[in-house]
Amino acid sequence: MLSIRNLAVFVIGLIFIGGALFGLNFSNAQQMPPAPGNQKSVSPTPTVSPTPEIIEEDDEVIKIDTEAVNVLFTAQDRNRRLLTDLKQTDVRIVENGQPQEITAFARQVDLPLSLAILIDTSASQERTLPEEKSAAKAFLQSVIRPAKDEVSIVSFTGETTLEQGMTNNLTRLARAVDKVEFTPPSGYVGGGVVAGGTPPISGDNQMTQGSTAIWDAIWVTSEEVLKSSPDKTRRAIILLSDGVNTFGSKKLDDAVQAALRSEAVIYSIGVGDEFYGGVDEGVMKKISERTGGRAFFPRDESELRKAFTQIQIELRSQYLIAYEPSNQKRDGSFRKIEIQLTNSELSKQKVKLTHRQGYFAKTDTGQKPVK
């Protein structure tokens, strides 16, 4: 019996040692790096070539380098038709008056979108809101690719309400648009209390209802909604309003700066009731052009839908210029940028380039940006 017991112990020991050796080899095999020929880069960011690289229809070229500045732009002829065959030699980019060396030039047609639709629900929108909601839902159905794009729905009066955070779920987005309603001023049929509403993300109290804080809405959307979207995405705000700001702590410049910091372009759709003075076209154009977008002023529901369609086309038909700024100071200062035509024939054709008007330089950790 003793010899059998010893034999059993000996066999169990061999099994234990063999298992440990096998586990060690398996662990080492898992940690072994792949063969050089099969190794894949862990980063989708392409490397900057020593000379400018032209990449056609490549949505991966959006963050060329940590120090690079990326500028998206559209090109249109005098009839507002988009140009799709520009070359890098047709343009140059200037920062604070100094020409910059272009490190990459690409046509972007398939970039993921991160959009925020801002809907004015103040008194001036009461009659036009149904058409706005209908056009917005049609836009969502046509533009959203569930595997790529995301949208948030924001309503605002004197305060801003996030009706739906970033999502690619069309059902949720349509539901969020449906629940956007005209917000009456305090004391207007029910005292200004909106039952079942989402808590506001800006504004002080219910007394703000009925007023219009456009710049607050753009600022908070840029800072708290769009900034959290992925790096490799095209950010845009679609603003539905009459452009008449009557309330809030932010100014137009604050809204522009917030949009530029989040790299968001603003497309404005001017809609309003003539009883309240119509649309402030000058303001709507200014907020859009300074961020690289465009303003539309539809006269009926048909033109409203066409405006949404044009926005969709422009978001899908853009060029990217990347450059490393000659001014390497990390001081948080605002740098004015301009893309200029170098092709004389395009200049004669009155080709218009639309892009954001500047950016804020990066800062070292803890350093305050320059005012």
Protein backbone atom coordinates (compact mmCIF):
# COMPACT_ATOMS: atom_id res chain seq x y z
CA MET A 1 0.00 0.00 0.00
CA LEU A 2 2.82 2.41 0.82
CA SER A 3 4.48 1.92 -2.58
CA ILE A 4 1.18 2.47 -4.40
CA ARG A 5 0.59 5.65 -2.41
CA ASN A 6 4.08 6.91 -3.22
CA LEU A 7 3.54 6.11 -6.88
CA ALA A 8 0.27 8.08 -6.89
CA VAL A 9 1.95 11.07 -5.27
CA PHE A 10 4.74 10.86 -7.84
CA VAL A 11 2.26 10.81 -10.78
CA ILE A 12 0.25 13.74 -9.38
CA GLY A 13 3.48 15.70 -8.97
CA LEU A 14 4.42 15.09 -12.58
CA ILE A 15 0.99 16.30 -13.73
CA PHE A 16 1.27 19.46 -11.61
CA ILE A 17 4.76 20.30 -12.91
CA GLY A 18 3.74 19.65 -16.52
CA GLY A 19 0.69 21.90 -16.17
CA ALA A 20 2.76 24.72 -14.73
CA LEU A 21 5.28 24.47 -17.57
CA PHE A 22 2.47 24.49 -20.15
CA GLY A 23 0.87 27.55 -18.55
CA LEU A 24 4.19 29.37 -18.54
CA ASN A 25 4.75 28.64 -22.23
CA PHE A 26 1.19 29.69 -23.09
CA SER A 27 1.62 32.96 -21.18
CA ASN A 28 4.88 33.68 -22.96
CA ALA A 29 3.27 32.94 -26.29
CA GLN A 30 0.54 35.46 -25.57
CA GLN A 31 3.09 38.16 -24.77
CA MET A 32 5.26 37.45 -27.78
CA PRO A 33 5.14 40.34 -30.28
CA PRO A 34 3.84 39.55 -33.76
CA ALA A 35 6.19 39.12 -36.66
CA PRO A 36 7.30 42.40 -38.18
CA GLY A 37 5.42 41.70 -41.39
CA ASN A 38 2.09 41.20 -39.60
CA GLN A 39 2.32 43.92 -36.97
CA LYS A 40 -0.40 46.59 -37.20
CA SER A 41 -0.21 50.14 -35.92
CA VAL A 42 -2.31 50.78 -32.83
CA SER A 43 -3.08 54.32 -33.97
CA PRO A 44 -5.29 55.18 -36.98
CA THR A 45 -3.57 58.55 -37.30
CA PRO A 46 -1.43 58.69 -40.45
CA THR A 47 2.15 59.89 -40.28
CA VAL A 48 2.99 63.22 -41.83
CA SER A 49 5.09 62.88 -44.96
CA PRO A 50 8.13 65.15 -45.38
CA THR A 51 6.40 66.71 -48.40
CA PRO A 52 2.71 67.67 -48.71
CA GLU A 53 0.58 64.59 -49.23
CA ILE A 54 -2.60 64.69 -51.30
CA ILE A 55 -5.10 62.09 -50.15
CA GLU A 56 -8.34 61.82 -52.10
CA GLU A 57 -11.55 60.95 -50.29
CA ASP A 58 -9.83 59.73 -47.14
CA ASP A 59 -11.81 60.32 -43.95
CA GLU A 60 -8.87 59.20 -41.82
CA VAL A 61 -6.92 62.42 -42.43
CA ILE A 62 -8.32 64.58 -39.69
CA LYS A 63 -5.67 64.63 -36.97
CA ILE A 64 -2.38 64.59 -38.81
CA ASP A 65 -0.15 65.42 -35.87
CA THR A 66 -0.56 66.57 -32.28
CA GLU A 67 0.89 69.97 -33.19
CA ALA A 68 -0.84 70.33 -36.56
CA VAL A 69 -3.71 72.68 -37.27
CA ASN A 70 -6.50 71.13 -39.33
CA VAL A 71 -8.85 73.38 -41.29
CA LEU A 72 -11.88 72.11 -43.18
CA PHE A 73 -13.28 74.25 -46.00
CA THR A 74 -15.74 74.22 -48.86
CA ALA A 75 -15.27 75.74 -52.33
CA GLN A 76 -18.18 77.12 -54.36
CA ASP A 77 -18.42 78.88 -57.69
CA ARG A 78 -20.44 82.05 -58.27
CA ASN A 79 -23.60 79.95 -58.64
CA ARG A 80 -22.97 78.26 -55.26
CA ARG A 81 -22.12 74.94 -56.88
CA LEU A 82 -19.60 72.95 -54.89
CA LEU A 83 -16.20 72.34 -56.49
CA THR A 84 -14.86 68.83 -56.04
CA ASP A 85 -11.59 68.90 -57.99
CA LEU A 86 -9.38 71.42 -56.17
CA LYS A 87 -5.67 70.67 -55.90
CA GLN A 88 -3.26 71.65 -53.16
CA THR A 89 -1.52 74.01 -55.59
CA ASP A 90 -4.79 75.95 -56.04
CA VAL A 91 -4.70 77.36 -52.52
CA ARG A 92 -2.45 78.51 -49.73
CA ILE A 93 -3.07 79.06 -46.03
CA VAL A 94 -2.06 82.12 -44.03
CA GLU A 95 -1.90 82.47 -40.23
CA ASN A 96 -1.81 85.98 -38.78
CA GLY A 97 -0.65 87.24 -42.17
CA GLN A 98 2.17 84.69 -42.52
CA PRO A 99 2.02 81.97 -45.22
CA GLN A 100 2.25 78.46 -43.77
CA GLU A 101 3.68 75.25 -45.19
CA ILE A 102 0.91 72.77 -45.95
CA THR A 103 1.70 69.28 -44.66
CA ALA A 104 -1.44 67.54 -45.95
CA PHE A 105 -4.27 68.26 -48.35
CA ALA A 106 -7.29 66.00 -48.66
CA ARG A 107 -10.81 65.91 -49.98
CA GLN A 108 -13.20 64.80 -47.25
CA VAL A 109 -16.43 63.13 -48.36
CA ASP A 110 -17.06 60.47 -45.73
CA LEU A 111 -16.16 62.08 -42.43
CA PRO A 112 -18.29 61.03 -39.41
CA LEU A 113 -20.62 63.79 -38.23
CA SER A 114 -21.34 65.03 -34.71
CA LEU A 115 -24.23 67.47 -34.96
CA ALA A 116 -26.28 69.51 -32.53
CA ILE A 117 -29.65 70.80 -33.71
CA LEU A 118 -30.58 73.92 -31.71
CA ILE A 119 -34.27 74.81 -31.81
CA ASP A 120 -35.53 78.18 -30.62
CA THR A 121 -38.82 77.70 -28.73
CA SER A 122 -39.42 81.31 -27.72
CA ALA A 123 -42.56 83.29 -28.53
CA SER A 124 -41.36 84.30 -32.02
CA GLN A 125 -41.27 80.64 -33.08
CA GLU A 126 -44.78 79.59 -32.05
CA ARG A 127 -46.22 79.58 -35.59
CA THR A 128 -43.16 78.24 -37.41
CA LEU A 129 -42.16 75.50 -34.96
CA PRO A 130 -44.27 72.69 -36.53
CA GLU A 131 -42.57 73.19 -39.92
CA GLU A 132 -39.14 73.36 -38.27
CA LYS A 133 -39.72 70.06 -36.47
CA SER A 134 -40.98 68.36 -39.63
CA ALA A 135 -37.94 69.50 -41.64
CA ALA A 136 -35.55 68.52 -38.84
CA LYS A 137 -36.93 64.97 -38.72
CA ALA A 138 -36.67 64.63 -42.50
CA PHE A 139 -33.06 65.82 -42.27
CA LEU A 140 -32.25 63.24 -39.60
CA GLN A 141 -33.70 60.44 -41.72
CA SER A 142 -31.61 61.40 -44.74
CA VAL A 143 -28.28 62.35 -43.16
CA ILE A 144 -27.69 59.97 -40.25
CA ARG A 145 -25.65 56.83 -40.85
CA PRO A 146 -26.19 54.75 -37.68
CA ALA A 147 -22.70 53.27 -37.74
CA LYS A 148 -20.95 56.64 -38.14
CA ASP A 149 -22.90 59.76 -37.24
CA GLU A 150 -24.40 61.13 -34.04
CA VAL A 151 -26.78 63.98 -33.26
CA SER A 152 -28.06 65.79 -30.18
CA ILE A 153 -31.28 67.80 -29.91
CA VAL A 154 -31.22 71.04 -27.91
CA SER A 155 -34.09 73.46 -27.32
CA PHE A 156 -33.73 76.92 -25.86
CA THR A 157 -35.53 80.04 -24.74
CA GLY A 158 -33.89 81.99 -21.93
CA GLU A 159 -32.45 78.68 -20.79
CA THR A 160 -31.06 75.72 -22.68
CA THR A 161 -32.50 72.20 -22.46
CA LEU A 162 -30.77 69.07 -23.71
CA GLU A 163 -33.68 67.11 -25.12
CA GLN A 164 -31.46 64.26 -26.36
CA GLY A 165 -27.75 63.72 -25.89
CA MET A 166 -25.49 62.47 -28.67
CA THR A 167 -26.92 59.34 -30.25
CA ASN A 168 -27.33 57.64 -33.63
CA ASN A 169 -30.69 56.15 -32.64
CA LEU A 170 -33.19 57.69 -35.06
CA THR A 171 -36.18 56.69 -32.93
CA ARG A 172 -34.83 58.55 -29.91
CA LEU A 173 -33.94 61.57 -32.02
CA ALA A 174 -37.38 61.74 -33.63
CA ARG A 175 -38.98 61.42 -30.20
CA ALA A 176 -36.80 64.26 -28.89
CA VAL A 177 -37.82 66.52 -31.79
CA ASP A 178 -41.48 65.67 -31.24
CA LYS A 179 -41.38 66.74 -27.59
CA VAL A 180 -39.88 70.15 -28.42
CA GLU A 181 -42.68 72.64 -27.83
CA PHE A 182 -43.25 76.36 -27.82
CA THR A 183 -42.34 77.59 -24.33
CA PRO A 184 -44.71 80.32 -23.17
CA PRO A 185 -43.47 83.21 -21.04
CA SER A 186 -44.12 83.18 -17.31
CA GLY A 187 -47.80 83.88 -16.71
CA TYR A 188 -48.80 82.69 -20.19
CA VAL A 189 -51.47 79.94 -19.96
CA GLY A 190 -50.21 77.85 -17.10
CA GLY A 191 -47.66 80.18 -15.58
CA GLY A 192 -44.73 79.09 -17.73
CA VAL A 193 -44.40 75.66 -16.12
CA VAL A 194 -43.57 72.90 -18.62
CA ALA A 195 -44.70 69.54 -17.26
CA GLY A 196 -42.48 66.55 -17.91
CA GLY A 197 -39.65 68.60 -19.38
CA THR A 198 -35.97 67.77 -19.17
CA PRO A 199 -34.09 69.81 -16.55
CA PRO A 200 -32.31 72.77 -18.20
CA ILE A 201 -28.54 72.75 -18.65
CA SER A 202 -28.37 76.53 -18.46
CA GLY A 203 -30.51 79.40 -17.20
CA ASP A 204 -31.53 80.53 -13.75
CA ASN A 205 -35.26 79.98 -13.36
CA GLN A 206 -38.62 79.73 -15.05
CA MET A 207 -38.73 83.54 -15.49
CA THR A 208 -36.37 83.10 -18.44
CA GLN A 209 -39.04 81.33 -20.48
CA GLY A 210 -40.32 83.33 -23.42
CA SER A 211 -37.02 85.22 -23.75
CA THR A 212 -34.26 84.15 -26.14
CA ALA A 213 -30.68 83.42 -25.10
CA ILE A 214 -29.13 82.33 -28.39
CA TRP A 215 -25.51 82.93 -27.43
CA ASP A 216 -25.91 81.07 -24.14
CA ALA A 217 -27.36 78.11 -26.06
CA ILE A 218 -24.49 78.00 -28.56
CA TRP A 219 -21.91 78.42 -25.79
CA VAL A 220 -23.25 75.63 -23.58
CA THR A 221 -23.77 73.30 -26.56
CA SER A 222 -20.18 73.84 -27.72
CA GLU A 223 -18.69 73.46 -24.25
CA GLU A 224 -20.83 70.66 -22.80
CA VAL A 225 -22.21 68.68 -25.74
CA LEU A 226 -19.89 68.84 -28.75
CA LYS A 227 -16.56 68.86 -26.91
CA SER A 228 -17.20 65.30 -25.74
CA SER A 229 -17.64 63.99 -29.30
CA PRO A 230 -14.87 61.87 -30.88
CA ASP A 231 -11.73 63.57 -32.23
CA LYS A 232 -12.17 62.23 -35.76
CA THR A 233 -15.50 63.82 -36.51
CA ARG A 234 -17.00 66.85 -38.22
CA ARG A 235 -18.74 68.95 -35.56
CA ALA A 236 -21.55 71.29 -36.52
CA ILE A 237 -24.37 73.24 -34.93
CA ILE A 238 -27.57 73.75 -36.90
CA LEU A 239 -29.31 76.78 -35.43
CA LEU A 240 -33.03 77.32 -36.02
CA SER A 241 -33.91 80.80 -34.77
CA ASP A 242 -34.79 84.36 -35.74
CA GLY A 243 -31.39 85.57 -34.52
CA VAL A 244 -32.86 88.03 -32.00
CA ASN A 245 -31.04 87.56 -28.69
CA THR A 246 -32.98 89.10 -25.78
CA PHE A 247 -31.47 87.42 -22.73
CA GLY A 248 -28.43 85.66 -21.32
CA SER A 249 -24.95 86.18 -19.91
CA LYS A 250 -23.03 85.42 -23.12
CA LYS A 251 -22.36 87.65 -26.10
CA LEU A 252 -22.01 86.80 -29.78
CA ASP A 253 -18.20 86.77 -29.47
CA ASP A 254 -18.44 84.31 -26.57
CA ALA A 255 -20.54 81.98 -28.70
CA VAL A 256 -18.11 82.22 -31.62
CA GLN A 257 -15.10 81.51 -29.40
CA ALA A 258 -16.80 78.49 -27.81
CA ALA A 259 -17.64 77.08 -31.24
CA LEU A 260 -14.07 77.62 -32.45
CA ARG A 261 -12.64 75.93 -29.35
CA SER A 262 -14.78 72.87 -30.00
CA GLU A 263 -14.00 73.07 -33.74
CA ALA A 264 -17.70 73.34 -34.58
CA VAL A 265 -19.10 75.12 -37.61
CA ILE A 266 -22.47 76.86 -37.27
CA TYR A 267 -25.15 76.66 -39.95
CA SER A 268 -27.96 79.12 -39.28
CA ILE A 269 -31.49 78.76 -40.59
CA GLY A 270 -33.34 82.02 -40.10
CA VAL A 271 -36.99 81.41 -39.25
CA GLY A 272 -39.32 83.71 -37.35
CA ASP A 273 -42.71 85.34 -37.16
CA GLU A 274 -43.05 88.71 -38.87
CA PHE A 275 -45.25 89.80 -35.97
CA TYR A 276 -42.11 89.72 -33.78
CA GLY A 277 -39.96 91.60 -36.27
CA GLY A 278 -38.88 88.78 -38.58
CA VAL A 279 -35.29 87.52 -38.79
CA ASP A 280 -32.05 89.36 -38.00
CA GLU A 281 -30.19 88.22 -41.12
CA GLY A 282 -27.04 90.18 -40.32
CA VAL A 283 -26.52 88.43 -37.00
CA MET A 284 -27.27 84.99 -38.45
CA LYS A 285 -24.74 85.53 -41.24
CA LYS A 286 -22.09 86.78 -38.82
CA ILE A 287 -22.29 83.83 -36.40
CA SER A 288 -22.13 81.38 -39.32
CA GLU A 289 -19.40 82.98 -41.41
CA ARG A 290 -17.05 83.46 -38.45
CA THR A 291 -17.18 79.72 -37.72
CA GLY A 292 -16.99 78.53 -41.34
CA GLY A 293 -20.69 77.88 -41.92
CA ARG A 294 -23.47 79.52 -43.87
CA ALA A 295 -26.83 81.15 -43.19
CA PHE A 296 -30.10 80.30 -44.92
CA PHE A 297 -33.32 82.30 -44.95
CA PRO A 298 -36.16 80.09 -46.20
CA ARG A 299 -39.51 81.69 -47.05
CA ASP A 300 -41.62 78.55 -46.73
CA GLU A 301 -41.43 74.90 -45.66
CA SER A 302 -40.15 73.80 -49.07
CA GLU A 303 -37.17 76.17 -48.86
CA LEU A 304 -36.62 75.11 -45.25
CA ARG A 305 -36.18 71.51 -46.37
CA LYS A 306 -33.86 72.64 -49.17
CA ALA A 307 -31.72 74.45 -46.59
CA PHE A 308 -31.31 71.24 -44.61
CA THR A 309 -30.43 69.39 -47.82
CA GLN A 310 -27.77 71.95 -48.71
CA ILE A 311 -26.25 71.67 -45.24
CA GLN A 312 -26.05 67.91 -45.65
CA ILE A 313 -24.31 68.27 -49.03
CA GLU A 314 -21.78 70.77 -47.70
CA LEU A 315 -20.93 68.64 -44.68
CA ARG A 316 -20.12 65.77 -47.05
CA SER A 317 -18.17 67.85 -49.62
CA GLN A 318 -15.22 69.44 -47.90
CA TYR A 319 -11.47 69.71 -48.11
CA LEU A 320 -8.93 69.46 -45.32
CA ILE A 321 -5.73 71.46 -45.06
CA ALA A 322 -3.24 70.59 -42.33
CA TYR A 323 -0.17 72.59 -41.39
CA GLU A 324 2.25 72.99 -38.51
CA PRO A 325 2.17 76.68 -37.52
CA SER A 326 5.41 78.62 -37.74
CA ASN A 327 4.44 80.24 -34.43
CA GLN A 328 5.07 77.42 -31.97
CA LYS A 329 4.20 79.39 -28.82
CA ARG A 330 1.74 77.49 -26.62
CA ASP A 331 0.11 80.61 -25.23
CA GLY A 332 -3.58 79.97 -25.90
CA SER A 333 -3.79 83.04 -28.12
CA PHE A 334 -6.25 83.40 -30.97
CA ARG A 335 -4.65 82.89 -34.39
CA LYS A 336 -6.43 84.27 -37.44
CA ILE A 337 -6.34 81.99 -40.48
CA GLU A 338 -7.22 82.54 -44.11
CA ILE A 339 -7.25 80.17 -47.06
CA GLN A 340 -6.46 82.04 -50.26
CA LEU A 341 -6.73 81.09 -53.92
CA THR A 342 -3.45 80.89 -55.83
CA ASN A 343 -5.09 79.74 -59.07
CA SER A 344 -5.86 82.88 -61.09
CA GLU A 345 -8.52 81.11 -63.16
CA LEU A 346 -10.45 80.19 -60.03
CA SER A 347 -10.16 83.78 -58.84
CA LYS A 348 -11.64 85.01 -62.13
CA GLN A 349 -14.53 82.58 -61.63
CA LYS A 350 -15.25 84.19 -58.24
CA VAL A 351 -14.74 80.93 -56.38
CA LYS A 352 -15.56 81.36 -52.70
CA LEU A 353 -13.77 79.43 -49.96
CA THR A 354 -15.64 79.02 -46.67
CA HIS A 355 -13.80 78.07 -43.48
CA ARG A 356 -13.48 79.02 -39.82
CA GLN A 357 -11.67 82.30 -39.30
CA GLY A 358 -9.20 81.15 -36.69
CA TYR A 359 -8.30 78.89 -33.79
CA PHE A 360 -6.93 79.08 -30.27
CA ALA A 361 -3.36 77.91 -29.76
CA LYS A 362 -2.73 75.13 -27.28
CA THR A 363 -1.44 75.87 -23.81
CA ASP A 364 0.90 74.07 -21.47
CA THR A 365 -0.83 72.43 -18.51
CA GLY A 366 -1.89 75.02 -15.97
CA GLN A 367 -1.09 77.97 -18.21
CA LYS A 368 -3.87 80.52 -18.69
CA PRO A 369 -4.75 81.41 -22.28
CA VAL A 370 -3.96 84.87 -23.59
CA LYS A 371 -7.01 87.14 -23.75
